[in-house]
Amino acid sequence: MDRVKGKTVLITGAGSGMGAASARLLADEGANVLVTDIRGDAAETVAAGIRDRGGEAQGQVLDVTRPDQWQAAVEKALALWGGIDVLVNNAGLPGEPISWEEATLEGLNRMMALNMDSQFLGIKAVTPHMKPGSSIVNFSSIAGLVCFPNLHPGYGASKGANRLLSKCAAVDFAARGIRVNSVHPGLIRTPQSEYLFDDPAVVEAVLARIPLGRPGAPEDVAKVVLFLASDDSAYMTGAELVVDGGYTAI
């Protein structure tokens, strides 16, 4: 359908999972995609797979906590395609079962750096090169909307920060015609969440809370990213789209 034909997309954490699925779908729909990941080899593997199926993509190493690497990624996108139309801030740390007693300030700071500071840095690096009609998609989580007990205390805090960062950026950049929205996945089966599926009792308990009765696939989220990246969502900014099979509806 070419819903993002000719648009240039920079996507973080795209070496696997929801980031990789989003990169593939955006490329299938006509975008030029800079696939970035802290694992440069994983980013290039995804980019090579996109090229093999006829799409336009290049890989790039990007530690999203480092402003210099953000600048290098932006410069590469500009050199390749002349601009950036879409930023997808997907990279981050997953939630893990750590009690308050086990949690440390160092762990909290790392969680905030990977999940929230990274999006701040990405917006700062990319928006100077965006034109009216551009779109920023920030990944949050349903943990940014409701509390999940027994996860690292910083996970929900960082994901809640993603939600409000997106709304503030949406207001601040609206005059420039740049839209900013957040995506809030629920239980999505990815390499980062695979450990949850090792315990049948945990899986049964979680699925019992999901009205649609199944975990999501990365492609379920990628379709929402495509919608927000495309002009189909031209009148949406500051919105939060929940992709959780109905988990937060109960």
Protein backbone atom coordinates (compact mmCIF):
# COMPACT_ATOMS: atom_id res chain seq x y z
CA MET A 1 0.00 0.00 0.00
CA ASP A 2 3.04 2.31 0.27
CA ARG A 3 1.64 4.11 3.32
CA VAL A 4 5.04 5.60 4.18
CA LYS A 5 6.54 5.61 0.69
CA GLY A 6 9.55 7.91 0.44
CA LYS A 7 9.66 8.68 4.17
CA THR A 8 12.92 8.18 6.05
CA VAL A 9 12.63 6.38 9.37
CA LEU A 10 15.20 6.11 12.17
CA ILE A 11 14.25 3.31 14.55
CA THR A 12 16.09 2.31 17.71
CA GLY A 13 16.45 -1.11 19.31
CA ALA A 14 15.55 -2.64 15.95
CA GLY A 15 17.87 -5.63 16.05
CA SER A 16 15.06 -7.89 17.32
CA GLY A 17 11.52 -8.03 18.64
CA MET A 18 9.06 -5.19 18.11
CA GLY A 19 11.74 -2.89 16.71
CA ALA A 20 12.74 -5.38 14.02
CA ALA A 21 9.11 -6.12 13.13
CA SER A 22 8.40 -2.39 12.84
CA ALA A 23 11.47 -1.83 10.67
CA ARG A 24 10.42 -4.60 8.28
CA LEU A 25 6.82 -3.41 7.99
CA LEU A 26 7.80 0.23 7.48
CA ALA A 27 10.22 -0.81 4.75
CA ASP A 28 7.58 -3.03 3.15
CA GLU A 29 5.34 0.05 3.04
CA GLY A 30 7.94 2.09 1.17
CA ALA A 31 10.08 3.77 3.85
CA ASN A 32 13.84 4.18 3.86
CA VAL A 33 14.80 2.69 7.22
CA LEU A 34 17.90 3.27 9.32
CA VAL A 35 17.88 0.19 11.55
CA THR A 36 19.79 0.99 14.75
CA ASP A 37 20.71 -1.11 17.74
CA ILE A 38 23.45 -1.19 20.35
CA ARG A 39 24.34 -4.50 18.68
CA GLY A 40 25.51 -3.27 15.32
CA ASP A 41 25.64 -6.77 13.86
CA ALA A 42 21.99 -7.38 14.77
CA ALA A 43 20.98 -4.06 13.20
CA GLU A 44 22.80 -4.92 9.97
CA THR A 45 21.26 -8.40 9.89
CA VAL A 46 17.76 -6.91 10.01
CA ALA A 47 18.70 -4.28 7.41
CA ALA A 48 20.17 -6.93 5.11
CA GLY A 49 16.98 -8.97 5.40
CA ILE A 50 14.97 -5.91 4.38
CA ARG A 51 17.20 -5.33 1.37
CA ASP A 52 16.87 -8.99 0.39
CA ARG A 53 13.10 -8.54 0.13
CA GLY A 54 13.47 -5.42 -2.01
CA GLY A 55 13.34 -2.73 0.66
CA GLU A 56 15.67 0.17 1.42
CA ALA A 57 17.52 -0.12 4.74
CA GLN A 58 20.91 0.31 6.35
CA GLY A 59 22.17 -0.78 9.75
CA GLN A 60 23.85 1.45 12.32
CA VAL A 61 25.20 0.88 15.81
CA LEU A 62 23.53 3.19 18.33
CA ASP A 63 23.89 3.31 22.09
CA VAL A 64 20.82 5.43 22.80
CA THR A 65 22.34 6.85 25.99
CA ARG A 66 25.19 8.52 24.08
CA PRO A 67 24.58 11.88 22.36
CA ASP A 68 27.60 11.38 20.07
CA GLN A 69 26.17 8.15 18.71
CA TRP A 70 22.79 9.80 18.18
CA GLN A 71 24.54 12.47 16.16
CA ALA A 72 26.36 9.86 14.07
CA ALA A 73 23.09 8.03 13.35
CA VAL A 74 21.33 11.24 12.34
CA GLU A 75 24.22 12.23 10.07
CA LYS A 76 24.11 8.82 8.40
CA ALA A 77 20.37 9.11 7.72
CA LEU A 78 20.84 12.59 6.29
CA ALA A 79 23.73 11.47 4.09
CA LEU A 80 21.78 8.48 2.77
CA TRP A 81 18.33 9.99 2.26
CA GLY A 82 18.51 13.73 2.88
CA GLY A 83 16.22 14.01 5.88
CA ILE A 84 14.33 12.24 8.67
CA ASP A 85 10.54 12.03 8.62
CA VAL A 86 9.89 9.49 11.37
CA LEU A 87 11.66 8.67 14.64
CA VAL A 88 10.65 5.46 16.40
CA ASN A 89 12.07 5.41 19.95
CA ASN A 90 11.78 1.70 20.67
CA ALA A 91 15.00 0.85 22.53
CA GLY A 92 14.87 0.20 26.25
CA LEU A 93 15.27 -2.23 29.13
CA PRO A 94 12.48 -4.70 29.93
CA GLY A 95 10.89 -5.03 33.31
CA GLU A 96 12.35 -7.72 35.53
CA PRO A 97 11.22 -9.18 38.85
CA ILE A 98 13.30 -7.28 41.41
CA SER A 99 12.02 -6.38 44.86
CA TRP A 100 12.42 -2.99 46.48
CA GLU A 101 14.94 -4.59 48.83
CA GLU A 102 17.04 -5.84 45.90
CA ALA A 103 16.73 -2.69 43.78
CA THR A 104 19.65 -0.27 43.72
CA LEU A 105 20.05 3.35 42.76
CA GLU A 106 22.50 2.28 40.06
CA GLY A 107 19.88 -0.05 38.60
CA LEU A 108 17.25 2.67 38.73
CA ASN A 109 19.55 5.13 36.96
CA ARG A 110 20.31 2.60 34.24
CA MET A 111 16.61 1.88 33.76
CA MET A 112 15.82 5.58 33.42
CA ALA A 113 18.78 6.17 31.09
CA LEU A 114 17.82 3.37 28.69
CA ASN A 115 14.07 3.91 28.79
CA MET A 116 13.57 7.65 29.24
CA ASP A 117 16.80 9.60 28.73
CA SER A 118 17.22 7.83 25.40
CA GLN A 119 13.93 9.23 24.10
CA PHE A 120 14.84 12.73 25.26
CA LEU A 121 18.17 12.47 23.43
CA GLY A 122 16.52 11.08 20.31
CA ILE A 123 13.98 13.89 20.13
CA LYS A 124 16.74 16.46 20.67
CA ALA A 125 18.91 14.94 17.93
CA VAL A 126 16.25 14.39 15.28
CA THR A 127 13.76 17.27 15.50
CA PRO A 128 16.14 19.93 14.09
CA HIS A 129 16.03 17.98 10.82
CA MET A 130 12.29 17.27 10.71
CA LYS A 131 9.81 19.04 8.46
CA PRO A 132 6.09 19.64 9.05
CA GLY A 133 4.24 16.36 8.76
CA SER A 134 6.93 14.38 10.54
CA SER A 135 6.11 11.89 13.27
CA ILE A 136 7.74 10.63 16.46
CA VAL A 137 6.59 7.33 17.98
CA ASN A 138 7.74 6.69 21.55
CA PHE A 139 7.47 3.21 23.00
CA SER A 140 6.07 3.07 26.52
CA SER A 141 4.19 0.11 28.02
CA ILE A 142 0.97 -0.67 29.80
CA ALA A 143 3.28 -0.52 32.84
CA GLY A 144 3.31 3.23 32.18
CA LEU A 145 -0.46 3.27 32.71
CA VAL A 146 -1.06 0.81 35.56
CA CYS A 147 1.11 -0.69 38.28
CA PHE A 148 2.64 -4.12 37.81
CA PRO A 149 3.67 -5.42 41.25
CA ASN A 150 7.03 -7.07 41.82
CA LEU A 151 8.74 -5.56 38.78
CA HIS A 152 11.78 -3.30 39.12
CA PRO A 153 10.46 -0.06 40.70
CA GLY A 154 12.13 1.95 37.95
CA TYR A 155 10.38 0.16 35.11
CA GLY A 156 6.93 1.60 35.63
CA ALA A 157 8.45 4.95 36.54
CA SER A 158 10.43 5.09 33.30
CA LYS A 159 7.47 3.99 31.20
CA GLY A 160 5.22 6.55 32.85
CA ALA A 161 7.88 9.12 32.02
CA ASN A 162 7.76 8.03 28.37
CA ARG A 163 4.03 8.75 28.35
CA LEU A 164 4.35 12.28 29.75
CA LEU A 165 7.48 13.08 27.76
CA SER A 166 5.49 12.25 24.63
CA LYS A 167 2.59 14.49 25.60
CA CYS A 168 4.86 17.42 26.46
CA ALA A 169 6.80 17.02 23.22
CA ALA A 170 3.52 16.79 21.30
CA VAL A 171 2.44 20.17 22.65
CA ASP A 172 5.84 21.80 22.22
CA PHE A 173 6.41 20.64 18.63
CA ALA A 174 2.84 21.04 17.36
CA ALA A 175 3.54 24.51 15.99
CA ARG A 176 6.25 22.99 13.80
CA GLY A 177 3.89 20.32 12.49
CA ILE A 178 5.72 17.46 14.21
CA ARG A 179 3.44 14.88 15.82
CA VAL A 180 4.44 12.85 18.90
CA ASN A 181 2.50 9.83 20.16
CA SER A 182 3.19 6.89 22.45
CA VAL A 183 2.58 3.16 22.06
CA HIS A 184 1.81 1.00 25.09
CA PRO A 185 2.28 -2.73 24.43
CA GLY A 186 1.07 -5.37 26.83
CA LEU A 187 2.41 -8.93 26.89
CA ILE A 188 4.21 -9.27 23.56
CA ARG A 189 6.23 -12.41 22.88
CA THR A 190 9.75 -11.23 22.02
CA PRO A 191 13.27 -12.39 22.92
CA GLN A 192 13.21 -9.97 25.88
CA SER A 193 9.97 -11.40 27.28
CA GLU A 194 10.67 -15.06 26.51
CA TYR A 195 11.68 -15.79 30.11
CA LEU A 196 8.06 -15.22 31.16
CA PHE A 197 6.98 -18.19 29.06
CA ASP A 198 9.30 -20.60 30.89
CA ASP A 199 6.82 -20.89 33.76
CA PRO A 200 3.45 -22.35 32.67
CA ALA A 201 1.77 -21.08 35.84
CA VAL A 202 2.85 -17.50 35.08
CA VAL A 203 1.64 -17.81 31.48
CA GLU A 204 -1.73 -19.19 32.59
CA ALA A 205 -2.20 -16.41 35.14
CA VAL A 206 -1.32 -13.65 32.67
CA LEU A 207 -3.42 -15.05 29.83
CA ALA A 208 -6.39 -15.30 32.19
CA ARG A 209 -6.21 -11.48 32.48
CA ILE A 210 -6.15 -10.89 28.70
CA PRO A 211 -9.66 -10.83 27.17
CA LEU A 212 -8.36 -11.84 23.74
CA GLY A 213 -6.74 -14.84 25.38
CA ARG A 214 -3.29 -14.73 23.80
CA PRO A 215 -0.01 -12.86 23.99
CA GLY A 216 0.65 -10.33 21.26
CA ALA A 217 3.12 -10.77 18.43
CA PRO A 218 5.67 -8.11 17.47
CA GLU A 219 3.74 -7.61 14.24
CA ASP A 220 0.65 -6.58 16.22
CA VAL A 221 2.59 -3.61 17.56
CA ALA A 222 4.36 -2.89 14.27
CA LYS A 223 1.00 -2.23 12.60
CA VAL A 224 0.25 0.47 15.19
CA VAL A 225 3.69 2.00 14.63
CA LEU A 226 2.99 2.08 10.89
CA PHE A 227 -0.31 3.87 11.49
CA LEU A 228 1.34 6.53 13.67
CA ALA A 229 4.23 6.95 11.22
CA SER A 230 1.89 7.40 8.27
CA ASP A 231 -0.30 10.31 7.25
CA ASP A 232 -3.33 8.20 8.26
CA SER A 233 -2.80 9.59 11.77
CA ALA A 234 -2.25 13.19 10.64
CA TYR A 235 -4.69 14.59 13.24
CA MET A 236 -3.25 12.62 16.16
CA THR A 237 -0.65 13.98 18.53
CA GLY A 238 -0.19 13.50 22.26
CA ALA A 239 -2.18 10.28 22.04
CA GLU A 240 -1.42 6.95 23.72
CA LEU A 241 -2.28 3.78 21.84
CA VAL A 242 -2.64 0.65 23.94
CA VAL A 243 -1.85 -2.71 22.31
CA ASP A 244 -2.57 -5.24 25.05
CA GLY A 245 -5.40 -7.59 24.02
CA GLY A 246 -7.68 -5.84 26.50
CA TYR A 247 -5.52 -6.38 29.61
CA THR A 248 -5.97 -2.83 30.93
CA ALA A 249 -9.70 -2.83 30.13
CA ILE A 250 -10.47 -5.05 33.13
